[in-house]
Amino acid sequence: MYAISLGDDGAELRPLEPWHAEEFLAHLDRGRAFIQTHIPFGARATDGESAREVLQSYADKRAADTGSLHGVWLDGKLVGGVLVRVFDAANEMCEVGCWLEPAVTGRGLITRAMRVLIDWAVDERGIHRVEWHASSANGPSIAVARRLGMTRDGVLRQSYLYRGVRQDTEIWSVLAPEWRDARARVAHEDH
């Protein structure tokens, strides 16, 4: 298995597998209210068995090459993650997303993890378009899309019913040439 360092602060990106069910459930329980403010991620994981089922559904997506789930660990503790919700190799597009416990926000963990995930999608898998969907009310998620250099493509007005409220969904994206150009600019500035 892999463990990719996300910097000097002890953060790592690792696979999030069905055998992590108890750790995943404890993580969700620490941040459930915050994580589910705008999305129902993890809502079905209410005990060890259902947490395993959620993780297994992503393991099945990975095996079918239609998605994947990756945990962010900080000092050995699962604190969030990034995912490929939709992966369509034939059309060279994917949709990515994230979640994070409130205690570790503001450290750039998701931005750093997402850069690894997008690099992989673009460089290893030939993805041309990476999408990010977020509720217009989810300021932190939109801020990550901006930090990643994504462009807001548009807003799907009242497209998503969540907790009895119709949410506007913003669609953000970055195209492979834009991603490579931005990465090259950053590398050039660092030297």
C-alpha atoms as a PDB file:
ATOM      1  CA  MET A   1       0.000   0.000   0.000  1.00  0.00           C
ATOM      2  CA  TYR A   2       1.064   3.588  -0.455  1.00  0.00           C
ATOM      3  CA  ALA A   3       1.566   6.451   1.952  1.00  0.00           C
ATOM      4  CA  ILE A   4       2.300   9.759   0.245  1.00  0.00           C
ATOM      5  CA  SER A   5       3.698  12.552   2.391  1.00  0.00           C
ATOM      6  CA  LEU A   6       1.712  15.778   2.117  1.00  0.00           C
ATOM      7  CA  GLY A   7       4.414  17.929   3.726  1.00  0.00           C
ATOM      8  CA  ASP A   8       6.490  18.384   6.848  1.00  0.00           C
ATOM      9  CA  ASP A   9       3.526  18.376   9.247  1.00  0.00           C
ATOM     10  CA  GLY A  10       3.049  14.601   9.436  1.00  0.00           C
ATOM     11  CA  ALA A  11       0.170  14.552   6.953  1.00  0.00           C
ATOM     12  CA  GLU A  12      -0.139  11.572   4.617  1.00  0.00           C
ATOM     13  CA  LEU A  13      -2.449  10.406   1.849  1.00  0.00           C
ATOM     14  CA  ARG A  14      -3.209   6.681   2.097  1.00  0.00           C
ATOM     15  CA  PRO A  15      -5.743   4.199   0.771  1.00  0.00           C
ATOM     16  CA  LEU A  16      -8.980   4.131   2.738  1.00  0.00           C
ATOM     17  CA  GLU A  17     -10.032   0.482   2.670  1.00  0.00           C
ATOM     18  CA  PRO A  18     -12.915  -1.582   4.093  1.00  0.00           C
ATOM     19  CA  TRP A  19     -10.655  -2.856   6.889  1.00  0.00           C
ATOM     20  CA  HIS A  20     -10.437   0.765   8.155  1.00  0.00           C
ATOM     21  CA  ALA A  21     -14.166   0.661   9.050  1.00  0.00           C
ATOM     22  CA  GLU A  22     -13.818   1.242  12.805  1.00  0.00           C
ATOM     23  CA  GLU A  23     -11.277   4.055  12.331  1.00  0.00           C
ATOM     24  CA  PHE A  24     -13.460   5.576   9.592  1.00  0.00           C
ATOM     25  CA  LEU A  25     -16.529   5.442  11.852  1.00  0.00           C
ATOM     26  CA  ALA A  26     -14.657   7.066  14.772  1.00  0.00           C
ATOM     27  CA  HIS A  27     -13.398   9.776  12.393  1.00  0.00           C
ATOM     28  CA  LEU A  28     -16.902  10.437  11.058  1.00  0.00           C
ATOM     29  CA  ASP A  29     -18.312  10.557  14.566  1.00  0.00           C
ATOM     30  CA  ARG A  30     -15.745  13.241  15.514  1.00  0.00           C
ATOM     31  CA  GLY A  31     -16.728  15.434  12.557  1.00  0.00           C
ATOM     32  CA  ARG A  32     -20.130  14.224  11.399  1.00  0.00           C
ATOM     33  CA  ALA A  33     -22.091  17.459  11.992  1.00  0.00           C
ATOM     34  CA  PHE A  34     -19.437  19.543  10.221  1.00  0.00           C
ATOM     35  CA  ILE A  35     -18.824  17.075   7.381  1.00  0.00           C
ATOM     36  CA  GLN A  36     -22.547  16.733   6.686  1.00  0.00           C
ATOM     37  CA  THR A  37     -23.346  20.447   6.743  1.00  0.00           C
ATOM     38  CA  HIS A  38     -23.581  20.522   2.938  1.00  0.00           C
ATOM     39  CA  ILE A  39     -23.317  16.880   1.810  1.00  0.00           C
ATOM     40  CA  PRO A  40     -24.509  13.552   3.175  1.00  0.00           C
ATOM     41  CA  PHE A  41     -21.024  11.962   2.975  1.00  0.00           C
ATOM     42  CA  GLY A  42     -20.818   9.144   5.488  1.00  0.00           C
ATOM     43  CA  ALA A  43     -24.436   9.469   6.619  1.00  0.00           C
ATOM     44  CA  ARG A  44     -25.038   5.752   6.044  1.00  0.00           C
ATOM     45  CA  ALA A  45     -22.035   4.825   8.236  1.00  0.00           C
ATOM     46  CA  THR A  46     -23.635   4.554  11.670  1.00  0.00           C
ATOM     47  CA  ASP A  47     -21.927   1.408  13.014  1.00  0.00           C
ATOM     48  CA  GLY A  48     -18.995  -0.829  12.118  1.00  0.00           C
ATOM     49  CA  GLU A  49     -20.903  -2.880   9.552  1.00  0.00           C
ATOM     50  CA  SER A  50     -22.410   0.092   7.707  1.00  0.00           C
ATOM     51  CA  ALA A  51     -19.042   1.913   7.781  1.00  0.00           C
ATOM     52  CA  ARG A  52     -17.480  -1.152   6.142  1.00  0.00           C
ATOM     53  CA  GLU A  53     -20.257  -1.128   3.516  1.00  0.00           C
ATOM     54  CA  VAL A  54     -19.530   2.524   2.640  1.00  0.00           C
ATOM     55  CA  LEU A  55     -15.819   1.779   2.291  1.00  0.00           C
ATOM     56  CA  GLN A  56     -16.546  -1.401   0.323  1.00  0.00           C
ATOM     57  CA  SER A  57     -18.679   0.571  -2.142  1.00  0.00           C
ATOM     58  CA  TYR A  58     -15.619   2.696  -2.958  1.00  0.00           C
ATOM     59  CA  ALA A  59     -13.346  -0.366  -3.102  1.00  0.00           C
ATOM     60  CA  ASP A  60     -15.799  -1.775  -5.655  1.00  0.00           C
ATOM     61  CA  LYS A  61     -15.654   1.504  -7.620  1.00  0.00           C
ATOM     62  CA  ARG A  62     -11.859   1.352  -7.614  1.00  0.00           C
ATOM     63  CA  ALA A  63     -11.943  -2.270  -8.830  1.00  0.00           C
ATOM     64  CA  ALA A  64     -14.369  -1.253 -11.606  1.00  0.00           C
ATOM     65  CA  ASP A  65     -12.205   1.812 -12.436  1.00  0.00           C
ATOM     66  CA  THR A  66     -15.126   4.168 -11.786  1.00  0.00           C
ATOM     67  CA  GLY A  67     -13.987   5.944  -8.594  1.00  0.00           C
ATOM     68  CA  SER A  68     -11.769   5.787  -5.518  1.00  0.00           C
ATOM     69  CA  LEU A  69     -11.414   6.880  -1.905  1.00  0.00           C
ATOM     70  CA  HIS A  70      -8.240   8.082  -0.165  1.00  0.00           C
ATOM     71  CA  GLY A  71      -7.772   9.024   3.485  1.00  0.00           C
ATOM     72  CA  VAL A  72      -5.813  11.943   4.876  1.00  0.00           C
ATOM     73  CA  TRP A  73      -3.975  11.020   8.058  1.00  0.00           C
ATOM     74  CA  LEU A  74      -2.338  13.577  10.332  1.00  0.00           C
ATOM     75  CA  ASP A  75       0.171  12.175  12.816  1.00  0.00           C
ATOM     76  CA  GLY A  76      -1.280   8.701  12.275  1.00  0.00           C
ATOM     77  CA  LYS A  77      -4.925   9.747  12.788  1.00  0.00           C
ATOM     78  CA  LEU A  78      -7.546   9.695  10.023  1.00  0.00           C
ATOM     79  CA  VAL A  79      -8.871  13.277   9.750  1.00  0.00           C
ATOM     80  CA  GLY A  80     -10.423  13.495   6.277  1.00  0.00           C
ATOM     81  CA  GLY A  81     -10.044  12.442   2.719  1.00  0.00           C
ATOM     82  CA  VAL A  82     -10.350  13.002  -0.975  1.00  0.00           C
ATOM     83  CA  LEU A  83     -12.277  10.951  -3.460  1.00  0.00           C
ATOM     84  CA  VAL A  84     -12.947  10.434  -7.094  1.00  0.00           C
ATOM     85  CA  ARG A  85     -16.738  10.282  -7.029  1.00  0.00           C
ATOM     86  CA  VAL A  86     -17.027   9.696 -10.777  1.00  0.00           C
ATOM     87  CA  PHE A  87     -14.226   8.385 -12.984  1.00  0.00           C
ATOM     88  CA  ASP A  88     -14.911   8.066 -16.718  1.00  0.00           C
ATOM     89  CA  ALA A  89     -11.691   7.081 -18.511  1.00  0.00           C
ATOM     90  CA  ALA A  90     -13.423   6.702 -21.880  1.00  0.00           C
ATOM     91  CA  ASN A  91     -14.554  10.344 -21.820  1.00  0.00           C
ATOM     92  CA  GLU A  92     -11.377  11.498 -20.030  1.00  0.00           C
ATOM     93  CA  MET A  93     -13.272  13.161 -17.171  1.00  0.00           C
ATOM     94  CA  CYS A  94     -13.691  12.722 -13.455  1.00  0.00           C
ATOM     95  CA  GLU A  95     -15.380  14.419 -10.528  1.00  0.00           C
ATOM     96  CA  VAL A  96     -13.418  14.820  -7.323  1.00  0.00           C
ATOM     97  CA  GLY A  97     -14.487  15.773  -3.819  1.00  0.00           C
ATOM     98  CA  CYS A  98     -13.368  15.897  -0.206  1.00  0.00           C
ATOM     99  CA  TRP A  99     -14.309  15.932   3.457  1.00  0.00           C
ATOM    100  CA  LEU A 100     -12.461  16.959   6.613  1.00  0.00           C
ATOM    101  CA  GLU A 101     -12.889  17.081  10.378  1.00  0.00           C
ATOM    102  CA  PRO A 102     -13.392  20.624  11.702  1.00  0.00           C
ATOM    103  CA  ALA A 103     -10.443  20.374  14.123  1.00  0.00           C
ATOM    104  CA  VAL A 104      -7.919  20.306  11.252  1.00  0.00           C
ATOM    105  CA  THR A 105      -9.358  22.838   8.814  1.00  0.00           C
ATOM    106  CA  GLY A 106      -7.250  25.730   7.585  1.00  0.00           C
ATOM    107  CA  ARG A 107      -4.022  23.741   7.227  1.00  0.00           C
ATOM    108  CA  GLY A 108      -4.175  23.117   3.478  1.00  0.00           C
ATOM    109  CA  LEU A 109      -4.543  19.352   3.943  1.00  0.00           C
ATOM    110  CA  ILE A 110      -7.286  18.951   1.354  1.00  0.00           C
ATOM    111  CA  THR A 111      -5.594  21.231  -1.187  1.00  0.00           C
ATOM    112  CA  ARG A 112      -2.337  19.274  -0.871  1.00  0.00           C
ATOM    113  CA  ALA A 113      -4.093  15.888  -1.072  1.00  0.00           C
ATOM    114  CA  MET A 114      -6.195  17.001  -4.026  1.00  0.00           C
ATOM    115  CA  ARG A 115      -3.077  18.097  -5.933  1.00  0.00           C
ATOM    116  CA  VAL A 116      -1.741  14.541  -5.612  1.00  0.00           C
ATOM    117  CA  LEU A 117      -5.063  13.109  -6.791  1.00  0.00           C
ATOM    118  CA  ILE A 118      -5.384  15.486  -9.761  1.00  0.00           C
ATOM    119  CA  ASP A 119      -1.745  14.923 -10.754  1.00  0.00           C
ATOM    120  CA  TRP A 120      -2.475  11.194 -10.843  1.00  0.00           C
ATOM    121  CA  ALA A 121      -5.703  11.611 -12.830  1.00  0.00           C
ATOM    122  CA  VAL A 122      -4.100  13.892 -15.418  1.00  0.00           C
ATOM    123  CA  ASP A 123      -0.612  12.377 -15.657  1.00  0.00           C
ATOM    124  CA  GLU A 124      -1.233   8.683 -15.075  1.00  0.00           C
ATOM    125  CA  ARG A 125      -4.757   8.208 -16.367  1.00  0.00           C
ATOM    126  CA  GLY A 126      -5.014  10.791 -19.142  1.00  0.00           C
ATOM    127  CA  ILE A 127      -7.969  12.657 -17.668  1.00  0.00           C
ATOM    128  CA  HIS A 128      -8.681  15.858 -19.588  1.00  0.00           C
ATOM    129  CA  ARG A 129     -11.383  17.415 -17.386  1.00  0.00           C
ATOM    130  CA  VAL A 130     -11.521  17.326 -13.583  1.00  0.00           C
ATOM    131  CA  GLU A 131     -14.789  18.569 -12.069  1.00  0.00           C
ATOM    132  CA  TRP A 132     -15.618  19.825  -8.568  1.00  0.00           C
ATOM    133  CA  HIS A 133     -19.276  20.113  -7.476  1.00  0.00           C
ATOM    134  CA  ALA A 134     -20.138  22.141  -4.381  1.00  0.00           C
ATOM    135  CA  SER A 135     -23.134  23.779  -2.793  1.00  0.00           C
ATOM    136  CA  SER A 136     -22.983  27.540  -3.290  1.00  0.00           C
ATOM    137  CA  ALA A 137     -23.311  27.775   0.499  1.00  0.00           C
ATOM    138  CA  ASN A 138     -20.150  25.702   1.039  1.00  0.00           C
ATOM    139  CA  GLY A 139     -17.529  28.464   1.135  1.00  0.00           C
ATOM    140  CA  PRO A 140     -14.613  26.243   2.244  1.00  0.00           C
ATOM    141  CA  SER A 141     -15.195  23.806  -0.631  1.00  0.00           C
ATOM    142  CA  ILE A 142     -15.376  26.624  -3.171  1.00  0.00           C
ATOM    143  CA  ALA A 143     -12.180  28.088  -1.705  1.00  0.00           C
ATOM    144  CA  VAL A 144     -10.384  24.777  -2.349  1.00  0.00           C
ATOM    145  CA  ALA A 145     -11.594  24.777  -5.970  1.00  0.00           C
ATOM    146  CA  ARG A 146     -10.174  28.295  -6.350  1.00  0.00           C
ATOM    147  CA  ARG A 147      -6.840  27.341  -4.731  1.00  0.00           C
ATOM    148  CA  LEU A 148      -6.621  24.437  -7.161  1.00  0.00           C
ATOM    149  CA  GLY A 149      -6.917  26.903 -10.058  1.00  0.00           C
ATOM    150  CA  MET A 150     -10.325  25.691 -11.150  1.00  0.00           C
ATOM    151  CA  THR A 151     -12.756  27.808 -13.137  1.00  0.00           C
ATOM    152  CA  ARG A 152     -16.405  28.107 -12.173  1.00  0.00           C
ATOM    153  CA  ASP A 153     -18.322  26.744 -15.146  1.00  0.00           C
ATOM    154  CA  GLY A 154     -21.730  27.640 -13.811  1.00  0.00           C
ATOM    155  CA  VAL A 155     -24.421  27.170 -11.221  1.00  0.00           C
ATOM    156  CA  LEU A 156     -27.173  24.589 -11.292  1.00  0.00           C
ATOM    157  CA  ARG A 157     -29.898  26.518  -9.514  1.00  0.00           C
ATOM    158  CA  GLN A 158     -31.771  24.640  -6.784  1.00  0.00           C
ATOM    159  CA  SER A 159     -30.539  21.358  -8.236  1.00  0.00           C
ATOM    160  CA  TYR A 160     -29.981  19.436  -5.037  1.00  0.00           C
ATOM    161  CA  LEU A 161     -32.473  18.822  -2.242  1.00  0.00           C
ATOM    162  CA  TYR A 162     -30.607  18.363   1.039  1.00  0.00           C
ATOM    163  CA  ARG A 163     -32.201  18.434   4.474  1.00  0.00           C
ATOM    164  CA  GLY A 164     -35.372  19.888   3.023  1.00  0.00           C
ATOM    165  CA  VAL A 165     -33.633  22.837   1.334  1.00  0.00           C
ATOM    166  CA  ARG A 166     -32.990  23.203  -2.385  1.00  0.00           C
ATOM    167  CA  GLN A 167     -29.288  23.884  -2.830  1.00  0.00           C
ATOM    168  CA  ASP A 168     -27.592  25.633  -5.744  1.00  0.00           C
ATOM    169  CA  THR A 169     -24.707  23.508  -7.031  1.00  0.00           C
ATOM    170  CA  GLU A 170     -21.623  25.205  -8.425  1.00  0.00           C
ATOM    171  CA  ILE A 171     -19.645  23.294 -11.045  1.00  0.00           C
ATOM    172  CA  TRP A 172     -15.922  24.059 -11.131  1.00  0.00           C
ATOM    173  CA  SER A 173     -13.351  22.442 -13.389  1.00  0.00           C
ATOM    174  CA  VAL A 174      -9.760  22.385 -14.489  1.00  0.00           C
ATOM    175  CA  LEU A 175      -8.598  21.050 -17.851  1.00  0.00           C
ATOM    176  CA  ALA A 176      -5.395  19.042 -18.206  1.00  0.00           C
ATOM    177  CA  PRO A 177      -3.502  21.755 -20.155  1.00  0.00           C
ATOM    178  CA  GLU A 178      -4.472  24.352 -17.516  1.00  0.00           C
ATOM    179  CA  TRP A 179      -3.373  22.015 -14.711  1.00  0.00           C
ATOM    180  CA  ARG A 180      -0.012  21.308 -16.345  1.00  0.00           C
ATOM    181  CA  ASP A 181       0.589  25.004 -17.103  1.00  0.00           C
ATOM    182  CA  ALA A 182      -0.194  26.044 -13.525  1.00  0.00           C
ATOM    183  CA  ARG A 183       2.032  23.291 -12.129  1.00  0.00           C
ATOM    184  CA  ALA A 184       4.880  24.349 -14.438  1.00  0.00           C
ATOM    185  CA  ARG A 185       4.486  28.002 -13.327  1.00  0.00           C
ATOM    186  CA  VAL A 186       4.654  27.005  -9.649  1.00  0.00           C
ATOM    187  CA  ALA A 187       7.716  24.810 -10.280  1.00  0.00           C
ATOM    188  CA  HIS A 188       9.394  27.655 -12.171  1.00  0.00           C
ATOM    189  CA  GLU A 189       8.633  30.127  -9.359  1.00  0.00           C
ATOM    190  CA  ASP A 190      10.095  27.715  -6.775  1.00  0.00           C
ATOM    191  CA  HIS A 191      13.474  27.684  -8.558  1.00  0.00           C
END
